[in-house]
Amino acid sequence: MEAVAGLVGVILGFLLSEISLLCKERREIASYKKAITAELQSLKGQIPQIKDICRQALTELGKQSFLPPLGVPAVTQAYDNFGAKVQKHLSPLERNCLHIIYGRLKVCDKVLAELENDFRLALAEKVIDDPFWAFSDKIKDIYGSYDIVLSLIDSYLNNNPIDVFKLKAAS
């Protein structure tokens, strides 16, 4: 009888330990998702500021002058740190939406960070007939990308992520 009670105690202890681990994981995943959601809300405030910097750079390019579109890179720490951990806990639409949001942000940051150097190089080497026009188009593309990101952020925050890869249409 004591052996059975001991075995039941071990099994009960094991089950309680597993339940505790599952609860801990759920709390962690919830906190990671909350951090990403908070970051997306911050981005909704940051992106209009970045777009304004791009608008000012476009205005200067129209005057045949160059104003480097320097700003603070988009906030991506929560997604960078927790994105991989929450992937399996997201729907395919949520996962794809976040992938496109953060992918576009990183590309925009990279292009804007390199724009001044690329522009000066294009002027010096005269590889582009009209670098003011060409770089205006580049900034307009970035500006449009930010508009797309904002609509994706809104869809994600409204719990109705846009089907960026048309998964529903394919099924």
N, C-alpha and C. Protein backbone atom coordinates (compact mmCIF):
# COMPACT_ATOMS: atom_id res chain seq x y z
N MET A 1 0.81 -1.19 0.00
CA MET A 1 0.00 0.00 0.00
C MET A 1 0.86 1.27 0.00
N GLU A 2 1.95 1.23 0.78
CA GLU A 2 2.84 2.38 0.82
C GLU A 2 3.50 2.61 -0.53
N ALA A 3 3.79 1.53 -1.24
CA ALA A 3 4.40 1.65 -2.56
C ALA A 3 3.45 2.34 -3.52
N VAL A 4 2.18 1.99 -3.45
CA VAL A 4 1.17 2.61 -4.32
C VAL A 4 1.05 4.10 -3.98
N ALA A 5 1.00 4.42 -2.70
CA ALA A 5 0.90 5.81 -2.28
C ALA A 5 2.13 6.59 -2.73
N GLY A 6 3.30 5.98 -2.65
CA GLY A 6 4.53 6.63 -3.12
C GLY A 6 4.49 6.87 -4.61
N LEU A 7 4.02 5.88 -5.37
CA LEU A 7 3.91 6.00 -6.83
C LEU A 7 2.91 7.09 -7.20
N VAL A 8 1.78 7.12 -6.51
CA VAL A 8 0.77 8.15 -6.76
C VAL A 8 1.36 9.53 -6.46
N GLY A 9 2.15 9.63 -5.39
CA GLY A 9 2.79 10.90 -5.04
C GLY A 9 3.76 11.36 -6.11
N VAL A 10 4.54 10.42 -6.65
CA VAL A 10 5.49 10.76 -7.72
C VAL A 10 4.74 11.21 -8.97
N ILE A 11 3.69 10.47 -9.35
CA ILE A 11 2.90 10.82 -10.53
C ILE A 11 2.24 12.18 -10.34
N LEU A 12 1.66 12.41 -9.17
CA LEU A 12 1.02 13.68 -8.87
C LEU A 12 2.04 14.83 -8.91
N GLY A 13 3.20 14.59 -8.35
CA GLY A 13 4.26 15.60 -8.38
C GLY A 13 4.69 15.93 -9.80
N PHE A 14 4.83 14.89 -10.62
CA PHE A 14 5.20 15.07 -12.02
C PHE A 14 4.14 15.89 -12.76
N LEU A 15 2.86 15.52 -12.56
CA LEU A 15 1.77 16.23 -13.23
C LEU A 15 1.71 17.69 -12.79
N LEU A 16 1.87 17.93 -11.51
CA LEU A 16 1.86 19.32 -11.03
C LEU A 16 3.02 20.12 -11.61
N SER A 17 4.16 19.50 -11.74
CA SER A 17 5.32 20.16 -12.34
C SER A 17 5.05 20.52 -13.79
N GLU A 18 4.47 19.58 -14.54
CA GLU A 18 4.16 19.82 -15.96
C GLU A 18 3.12 20.92 -16.11
N ILE A 19 2.09 20.88 -15.27
CA ILE A 19 1.06 21.92 -15.32
C ILE A 19 1.68 23.28 -15.02
N SER A 20 2.56 23.32 -14.04
CA SER A 20 3.24 24.57 -13.68
C SER A 20 4.06 25.09 -14.86
N LEU A 21 4.77 24.20 -15.55
CA LEU A 21 5.56 24.61 -16.72
C LEU A 21 4.67 25.14 -17.84
N LEU A 22 3.54 24.46 -18.07
CA LEU A 22 2.61 24.93 -19.11
C LEU A 22 2.05 26.30 -18.77
N CYS A 23 1.69 26.51 -17.53
CA CYS A 23 1.17 27.82 -17.10
C CYS A 23 2.23 28.89 -17.26
N LYS A 24 3.45 28.57 -16.90
CA LYS A 24 4.55 29.53 -17.04
C LYS A 24 4.77 29.89 -18.51
N GLU A 25 4.76 28.87 -19.38
CA GLU A 25 4.94 29.12 -20.81
C GLU A 25 3.82 30.00 -21.35
N ARG A 26 2.59 29.73 -20.96
CA ARG A 26 1.46 30.54 -21.42
C ARG A 26 1.59 31.99 -20.98
N ARG A 27 2.02 32.21 -19.74
CA ARG A 27 2.23 33.57 -19.24
C ARG A 27 3.34 34.27 -20.03
N GLU A 28 4.42 33.54 -20.31
CA GLU A 28 5.51 34.13 -21.08
C GLU A 28 5.06 34.51 -22.49
N ILE A 29 4.37 33.58 -23.15
CA ILE A 29 3.89 33.85 -24.51
C ILE A 29 2.94 35.05 -24.50
N ALA A 30 2.06 35.11 -23.52
CA ALA A 30 1.13 36.24 -23.42
C ALA A 30 1.90 37.55 -23.23
N SER A 31 2.95 37.51 -22.41
CA SER A 31 3.73 38.74 -22.20
C SER A 31 4.52 39.11 -23.46
N TYR A 32 4.99 38.12 -24.21
CA TYR A 32 5.70 38.41 -25.47
C TYR A 32 4.74 39.03 -26.48
N LYS A 33 3.55 38.46 -26.59
CA LYS A 33 2.55 39.00 -27.53
C LYS A 33 2.18 40.43 -27.13
N LYS A 34 2.05 40.66 -25.83
CA LYS A 34 1.71 41.99 -25.33
C LYS A 34 2.82 42.98 -25.68
N ALA A 35 4.07 42.55 -25.56
CA ALA A 35 5.20 43.42 -25.90
C ALA A 35 5.19 43.77 -27.39
N ILE A 36 4.90 42.79 -28.23
CA ILE A 36 4.85 43.05 -29.68
C ILE A 36 3.68 43.98 -30.00
N THR A 37 2.55 43.78 -29.35
CA THR A 37 1.40 44.66 -29.57
C THR A 37 1.73 46.08 -29.13
N ALA A 38 2.38 46.23 -28.00
CA ALA A 38 2.77 47.58 -27.53
C ALA A 38 3.75 48.21 -28.52
N GLU A 39 4.65 47.40 -29.06
CA GLU A 39 5.61 47.92 -30.03
C GLU A 39 4.89 48.39 -31.30
N LEU A 40 3.90 47.63 -31.74
CA LEU A 40 3.13 48.03 -32.93
C LEU A 40 2.39 49.34 -32.68
N GLN A 41 1.88 49.51 -31.48
CA GLN A 41 1.21 50.77 -31.14
C GLN A 41 2.22 51.93 -31.16
N SER A 42 3.43 51.68 -30.69
CA SER A 42 4.48 52.71 -30.75
C SER A 42 4.83 53.04 -32.20
N LEU A 43 4.89 52.02 -33.02
CA LEU A 43 5.21 52.24 -34.44
C LEU A 43 4.15 53.10 -35.12
N LYS A 44 2.89 52.93 -34.71
CA LYS A 44 1.82 53.78 -35.28
C LYS A 44 2.10 55.25 -35.01
N GLY A 45 2.76 55.56 -33.91
CA GLY A 45 3.13 56.94 -33.61
C GLY A 45 4.43 57.35 -34.26
N GLN A 46 5.34 56.40 -34.43
CA GLN A 46 6.65 56.72 -34.98
C GLN A 46 6.63 56.89 -36.50
N ILE A 47 5.87 56.06 -37.18
CA ILE A 47 5.89 56.07 -38.65
C ILE A 47 5.47 57.43 -39.23
N PRO A 48 4.44 58.08 -38.72
CA PRO A 48 4.13 59.41 -39.27
C PRO A 48 5.30 60.40 -39.16
N GLN A 49 6.09 60.28 -38.09
CA GLN A 49 7.26 61.14 -37.95
C GLN A 49 8.30 60.82 -39.02
N ILE A 50 8.51 59.52 -39.28
CA ILE A 50 9.46 59.12 -40.32
C ILE A 50 8.95 59.58 -41.69
N LYS A 51 7.65 59.46 -41.92
CA LYS A 51 7.07 59.91 -43.19
C LYS A 51 7.25 61.42 -43.36
N ASP A 52 7.15 62.16 -42.27
CA ASP A 52 7.35 63.60 -42.33
C ASP A 52 8.79 63.93 -42.74
N ILE A 53 9.74 63.20 -42.19
CA ILE A 53 11.15 63.39 -42.58
C ILE A 53 11.32 63.09 -44.07
N CYS A 54 10.68 62.03 -44.55
CA CYS A 54 10.74 61.69 -45.98
C CYS A 54 10.11 62.79 -46.82
N ARG A 55 8.99 63.34 -46.35
CA ARG A 55 8.30 64.42 -47.07
C ARG A 55 9.22 65.64 -47.17
N GLN A 56 9.92 65.96 -46.09
CA GLN A 56 10.86 67.10 -46.12
C GLN A 56 12.01 66.83 -47.10
N ALA A 57 12.51 65.60 -47.11
CA ALA A 57 13.59 65.24 -48.05
C ALA A 57 13.10 65.34 -49.48
N LEU A 58 11.86 64.92 -49.73
CA LEU A 58 11.28 65.02 -51.08
C LEU A 58 11.16 66.49 -51.52
N THR A 59 10.72 67.32 -50.61
CA THR A 59 10.60 68.76 -50.92
C THR A 59 11.95 69.33 -51.32
N GLU A 60 12.98 68.99 -50.59
CA GLU A 60 14.32 69.49 -50.89
C GLU A 60 14.83 68.95 -52.23
N LEU A 61 14.57 67.68 -52.49
CA LEU A 61 15.00 67.11 -53.77
C LEU A 61 14.30 67.83 -54.93
N GLY A 62 13.05 68.23 -54.73
CA GLY A 62 12.32 68.99 -55.75
C GLY A 62 12.95 70.35 -56.01
N LYS A 63 13.69 70.86 -55.02
CA LYS A 63 14.40 72.14 -55.16
C LYS A 63 15.85 71.93 -55.60
N GLN A 64 16.17 70.71 -56.03
CA GLN A 64 17.53 70.36 -56.44
C GLN A 64 18.51 70.49 -55.28
N SER A 65 18.04 70.18 -54.09
CA SER A 65 18.85 70.20 -52.89
C SER A 65 18.68 68.85 -52.21
N PHE A 66 19.60 68.51 -51.33
CA PHE A 66 19.50 67.21 -50.66
C PHE A 66 19.48 67.39 -49.15
N LEU A 67 18.44 66.86 -48.53
CA LEU A 67 18.31 66.83 -47.08
C LEU A 67 18.29 65.36 -46.69
N PRO A 68 19.32 64.89 -45.99
CA PRO A 68 19.35 63.48 -45.62
C PRO A 68 18.13 63.11 -44.76
N PRO A 69 17.42 62.06 -45.13
CA PRO A 69 16.23 61.66 -44.36
C PRO A 69 16.65 60.87 -43.11
N LEU A 70 17.39 61.55 -42.24
CA LEU A 70 17.89 60.88 -41.05
C LEU A 70 16.84 60.91 -39.95
N GLY A 71 16.68 59.80 -39.32
CA GLY A 71 15.74 59.68 -38.21
C GLY A 71 16.11 58.47 -37.38
N VAL A 72 15.34 58.23 -36.38
CA VAL A 72 15.56 57.07 -35.54
C VAL A 72 14.98 55.86 -36.25
N PRO A 73 15.74 54.76 -36.31
CA PRO A 73 15.20 53.55 -36.95
C PRO A 73 13.91 53.08 -36.26
N ALA A 74 13.09 52.37 -37.01
CA ALA A 74 11.83 51.86 -36.47
C ALA A 74 12.11 50.95 -35.27
N VAL A 75 11.19 50.98 -34.32
CA VAL A 75 11.32 50.16 -33.12
C VAL A 75 10.99 48.71 -33.48
N THR A 76 11.96 47.82 -33.26
CA THR A 76 11.71 46.41 -33.59
C THR A 76 12.22 45.45 -32.51
N GLN A 77 12.57 45.96 -31.35
CA GLN A 77 13.20 45.11 -30.33
C GLN A 77 12.29 43.97 -29.87
N ALA A 78 11.02 44.24 -29.62
CA ALA A 78 10.13 43.19 -29.13
C ALA A 78 10.01 42.08 -30.16
N TYR A 79 9.80 42.47 -31.41
CA TYR A 79 9.67 41.44 -32.46
C TYR A 79 10.99 40.69 -32.64
N ASP A 80 12.09 41.41 -32.63
CA ASP A 80 13.40 40.77 -32.78
C ASP A 80 13.66 39.77 -31.66
N ASN A 81 13.26 40.13 -30.44
CA ASN A 81 13.52 39.28 -29.28
C ASN A 81 12.51 38.16 -29.08
N PHE A 82 11.25 38.42 -29.41
CA PHE A 82 10.20 37.46 -29.08
C PHE A 82 9.46 36.87 -30.27
N GLY A 83 9.68 37.42 -31.46
CA GLY A 83 8.95 36.96 -32.64
C GLY A 83 9.04 35.47 -32.87
N ALA A 84 10.23 34.92 -32.79
CA ALA A 84 10.41 33.48 -33.02
C ALA A 84 9.73 32.65 -31.94
N LYS A 85 9.66 33.18 -30.73
CA LYS A 85 9.06 32.44 -29.62
C LYS A 85 7.53 32.38 -29.71
N VAL A 86 6.92 33.38 -30.34
CA VAL A 86 5.46 33.40 -30.43
C VAL A 86 4.93 32.84 -31.75
N GLN A 87 5.81 32.57 -32.69
CA GLN A 87 5.38 32.13 -34.02
C GLN A 87 4.34 31.02 -33.98
N LYS A 88 4.62 29.96 -33.23
CA LYS A 88 3.70 28.81 -33.23
C LYS A 88 2.40 29.10 -32.49
N HIS A 89 2.33 30.23 -31.81
CA HIS A 89 1.13 30.60 -31.07
C HIS A 89 0.30 31.64 -31.82
N LEU A 90 0.67 31.93 -33.05
CA LEU A 90 -0.04 32.89 -33.88
C LEU A 90 -0.75 32.15 -35.01
N SER A 91 -1.81 32.75 -35.51
CA SER A 91 -2.45 32.18 -36.70
C SER A 91 -1.55 32.46 -37.90
N PRO A 92 -1.72 31.72 -38.98
CA PRO A 92 -0.91 32.00 -40.18
C PRO A 92 -1.06 33.45 -40.66
N LEU A 93 -2.27 34.00 -40.57
CA LEU A 93 -2.47 35.38 -41.00
C LEU A 93 -1.71 36.36 -40.11
N GLU A 94 -1.75 36.13 -38.80
CA GLU A 94 -1.01 37.00 -37.87
C GLU A 94 0.49 36.90 -38.12
N ARG A 95 0.97 35.68 -38.27
CA ARG A 95 2.40 35.44 -38.48
C ARG A 95 2.87 36.14 -39.76
N ASN A 96 2.13 35.98 -40.84
CA ASN A 96 2.52 36.59 -42.12
C ASN A 96 2.43 38.11 -42.06
N CYS A 97 1.41 38.61 -41.40
CA CYS A 97 1.24 40.05 -41.28
C CYS A 97 2.43 40.66 -40.53
N LEU A 98 2.81 40.06 -39.40
CA LEU A 98 3.96 40.56 -38.66
C LEU A 98 5.24 40.46 -39.48
N HIS A 99 5.38 39.37 -40.21
CA HIS A 99 6.57 39.18 -41.05
C HIS A 99 6.71 40.33 -42.05
N ILE A 100 5.62 40.68 -42.70
CA ILE A 100 5.67 41.75 -43.71
C ILE A 100 5.87 43.11 -43.04
N ILE A 101 5.19 43.35 -41.93
CA ILE A 101 5.37 44.62 -41.22
C ILE A 101 6.84 44.84 -40.90
N TYR A 102 7.42 43.87 -40.21
CA TYR A 102 8.80 44.06 -39.75
C TYR A 102 9.81 43.94 -40.88
N GLY A 103 9.52 43.13 -41.87
CA GLY A 103 10.42 43.04 -43.03
C GLY A 103 10.48 44.36 -43.77
N ARG A 104 9.32 44.97 -44.02
CA ARG A 104 9.29 46.26 -44.70
C ARG A 104 9.99 47.34 -43.88
N LEU A 105 9.77 47.34 -42.58
CA LEU A 105 10.41 48.34 -41.73
C LEU A 105 11.93 48.24 -41.80
N LYS A 106 12.44 47.02 -41.79
CA LYS A 106 13.90 46.84 -41.83
C LYS A 106 14.47 47.27 -43.18
N VAL A 107 13.75 46.98 -44.25
CA VAL A 107 14.20 47.41 -45.58
C VAL A 107 14.19 48.94 -45.66
N CYS A 108 13.12 49.55 -45.19
CA CYS A 108 13.03 51.02 -45.22
C CYS A 108 14.16 51.65 -44.40
N ASP A 109 14.40 51.11 -43.20
CA ASP A 109 15.48 51.63 -42.37
C ASP A 109 16.82 51.54 -43.09
N LYS A 110 17.05 50.42 -43.74
CA LYS A 110 18.32 50.20 -44.45
C LYS A 110 18.47 51.19 -45.61
N VAL A 111 17.42 51.33 -46.40
CA VAL A 111 17.47 52.24 -47.55
C VAL A 111 17.69 53.67 -47.09
N LEU A 112 16.95 54.09 -46.07
CA LEU A 112 17.09 55.47 -45.58
C LEU A 112 18.47 55.71 -44.98
N ALA A 113 19.01 54.71 -44.29
CA ALA A 113 20.34 54.87 -43.68
C ALA A 113 21.43 55.00 -44.74
N GLU A 114 21.24 54.36 -45.88
CA GLU A 114 22.26 54.38 -46.94
C GLU A 114 22.01 55.46 -47.98
N LEU A 115 20.88 56.15 -47.88
CA LEU A 115 20.47 57.08 -48.93
C LEU A 115 21.46 58.23 -49.15
N GLU A 116 21.92 58.82 -48.08
CA GLU A 116 22.83 59.96 -48.23
C GLU A 116 24.11 59.53 -48.94
N ASN A 117 24.70 58.44 -48.52
CA ASN A 117 25.92 57.95 -49.14
C ASN A 117 25.67 57.59 -50.61
N ASP A 118 24.56 56.91 -50.88
CA ASP A 118 24.23 56.54 -52.26
C ASP A 118 24.02 57.78 -53.13
N PHE A 119 23.37 58.79 -52.57
CA PHE A 119 23.11 60.02 -53.32
C PHE A 119 24.42 60.74 -53.65
N ARG A 120 25.27 60.87 -52.65
CA ARG A 120 26.56 61.56 -52.88
C ARG A 120 27.41 60.80 -53.91
N LEU A 121 27.38 59.49 -53.84
CA LEU A 121 28.11 58.66 -54.80
C LEU A 121 27.55 58.85 -56.21
N ALA A 122 26.21 58.87 -56.32
CA ALA A 122 25.58 59.06 -57.63
C ALA A 122 25.93 60.42 -58.21
N LEU A 123 25.99 61.45 -57.37
CA LEU A 123 26.38 62.79 -57.84
C LEU A 123 27.84 62.81 -58.28
N ALA A 124 28.70 62.24 -57.46
CA ALA A 124 30.14 62.28 -57.74
C ALA A 124 30.51 61.49 -58.99
N GLU A 125 29.91 60.32 -59.12
CA GLU A 125 30.27 59.45 -60.25
C GLU A 125 29.41 59.67 -61.48
N LYS A 126 28.38 60.50 -61.35
CA LYS A 126 27.47 60.83 -62.46
C LYS A 126 26.94 59.57 -63.16
N VAL A 127 26.57 58.58 -62.35
CA VAL A 127 26.03 57.33 -62.91
C VAL A 127 24.54 57.43 -63.20
N ILE A 128 23.90 58.46 -62.68
CA ILE A 128 22.47 58.68 -62.92
C ILE A 128 22.33 60.07 -63.52
N ASP A 129 21.57 60.16 -64.63
CA ASP A 129 21.40 61.46 -65.29
C ASP A 129 20.81 62.51 -64.36
N ASP A 130 19.76 62.15 -63.64
CA ASP A 130 19.12 63.09 -62.73
C ASP A 130 18.93 62.42 -61.36
N PRO A 131 19.95 62.48 -60.50
CA PRO A 131 19.85 61.81 -59.21
C PRO A 131 18.73 62.40 -58.33
N PHE A 132 18.40 63.68 -58.54
CA PHE A 132 17.32 64.28 -57.74
C PHE A 132 16.00 63.59 -58.04
N TRP A 133 15.74 63.33 -59.30
CA TRP A 133 14.51 62.64 -59.71
C TRP A 133 14.55 61.17 -59.24
N ALA A 134 15.68 60.51 -59.47
CA ALA A 134 15.80 59.09 -59.12
C ALA A 134 15.65 58.88 -57.62
N PHE A 135 16.26 59.72 -56.83
CA PHE A 135 16.17 59.56 -55.38
C PHE A 135 14.81 60.00 -54.84
N SER A 136 14.16 60.91 -55.56
CA SER A 136 12.78 61.26 -55.20
C SER A 136 11.90 60.02 -55.34
N ASP A 137 12.08 59.30 -56.42
CA ASP A 137 11.29 58.07 -56.62
C ASP A 137 11.59 57.04 -55.53
N LYS A 138 12.83 56.95 -55.14
CA LYS A 138 13.21 56.00 -54.09
C LYS A 138 12.52 56.36 -52.77
N ILE A 139 12.51 57.64 -52.45
CA ILE A 139 11.86 58.09 -51.22
C ILE A 139 10.34 57.91 -51.31
N LYS A 140 9.79 58.15 -52.48
CA LYS A 140 8.34 57.92 -52.66
C LYS A 140 7.99 56.46 -52.44
N ASP A 141 8.85 55.55 -52.91
CA ASP A 141 8.62 54.12 -52.68
C ASP A 141 8.64 53.79 -51.19
N ILE A 142 9.59 54.37 -50.48
CA ILE A 142 9.68 54.16 -49.03
C ILE A 142 8.43 54.71 -48.35
N TYR A 143 8.03 55.89 -48.76
CA TYR A 143 6.84 56.53 -48.20
C TYR A 143 5.61 55.62 -48.39
N GLY A 144 5.47 55.06 -49.59
CA GLY A 144 4.36 54.14 -49.86
C GLY A 144 4.45 52.87 -49.03
N SER A 145 5.66 52.41 -48.81
CA SER A 145 5.85 51.22 -47.99
C SER A 145 5.39 51.48 -46.56
N TYR A 146 5.66 52.67 -46.04
CA TYR A 146 5.19 53.02 -44.70
C TYR A 146 3.67 53.05 -44.64
N ASP A 147 3.02 53.51 -45.71
CA ASP A 147 1.55 53.49 -45.74
C ASP A 147 1.03 52.06 -45.65
N ILE A 148 1.67 51.15 -46.37
CA ILE A 148 1.27 49.74 -46.32
C ILE A 148 1.47 49.19 -44.91
N VAL A 149 2.62 49.51 -44.32
CA VAL A 149 2.91 49.03 -42.96
C VAL A 149 1.86 49.53 -41.98
N LEU A 150 1.47 50.79 -42.10
CA LEU A 150 0.46 51.33 -41.19
C LEU A 150 -0.87 50.58 -41.33
N SER A 151 -1.26 50.27 -42.56
CA SER A 151 -2.53 49.54 -42.74
C SER A 151 -2.41 48.11 -42.19
N LEU A 152 -1.25 47.50 -42.33
CA LEU A 152 -1.04 46.16 -41.76
C LEU A 152 -1.06 46.20 -40.24
N ILE A 153 -0.43 47.22 -39.66
CA ILE A 153 -0.43 47.36 -38.20
C ILE A 153 -1.87 47.52 -37.70
N ASP A 154 -2.63 48.39 -38.36
CA ASP A 154 -4.03 48.57 -37.95
C ASP A 154 -4.80 47.26 -38.03
N SER A 155 -4.61 46.52 -39.09
CA SER A 155 -5.34 45.25 -39.23
C SER A 155 -4.94 44.27 -38.13
N TYR A 156 -3.67 44.22 -37.81
CA TYR A 156 -3.20 43.31 -36.76
C TYR A 156 -3.75 43.73 -35.40
N LEU A 157 -3.68 45.02 -35.09
CA LEU A 157 -4.16 45.51 -33.79
C LEU A 157 -5.67 45.36 -33.65
N ASN A 158 -6.39 45.35 -34.77
CA ASN A 158 -7.84 45.18 -34.76
C ASN A 158 -8.25 43.71 -34.81
N ASN A 159 -7.27 42.82 -34.60
CA ASN A 159 -7.52 41.36 -34.62
C ASN A 159 -8.14 40.88 -35.93
N ASN A 160 -7.79 41.56 -37.01
CA ASN A 160 -8.26 41.17 -38.34
C ASN A 160 -7.10 41.34 -39.32
N PRO A 161 -6.00 40.55 -39.11
CA PRO A 161 -4.81 40.75 -39.94
C PRO A 161 -5.09 40.52 -41.42
N ILE A 162 -4.53 41.41 -42.22
CA ILE A 162 -4.67 41.30 -43.67
C ILE A 162 -3.97 40.03 -44.14
N ASP A 163 -4.62 39.36 -45.06
CA ASP A 163 -4.10 38.11 -45.63
C ASP A 163 -3.06 38.48 -46.70
N VAL A 164 -1.84 38.79 -46.27
CA VAL A 164 -0.82 39.34 -47.16
C VAL A 164 -0.39 38.37 -48.27
N PHE A 165 -0.49 37.08 -48.00
CA PHE A 165 -0.08 36.09 -48.99
C PHE A 165 -1.28 35.41 -49.65
N LYS A 166 -2.48 35.96 -49.43
CA LYS A 166 -3.72 35.44 -50.03
C LYS A 166 -3.90 33.95 -49.74
N LEU A 167 -3.71 33.58 -48.48
CA LEU A 167 -3.84 32.18 -48.08
C LEU A 167 -5.28 31.69 -48.19
N LYS A 168 -6.23 32.54 -47.85
CA LYS A 168 -7.63 32.14 -47.91
C LYS A 168 -8.07 31.88 -49.35
N ALA A 169 -7.55 32.67 -50.27
CA ALA A 169 -7.88 32.49 -51.68
C ALA A 169 -7.31 31.21 -52.24
N ALA A 170 -6.14 30.79 -51.71
CA ALA A 170 -5.47 29.59 -52.21
C ALA A 170 -6.12 28.31 -51.70
N SER A 171 -6.88 28.41 -50.61
CA SER A 171 -7.46 27.17 -50.06
C SER A 171 -8.86 26.91 -50.55
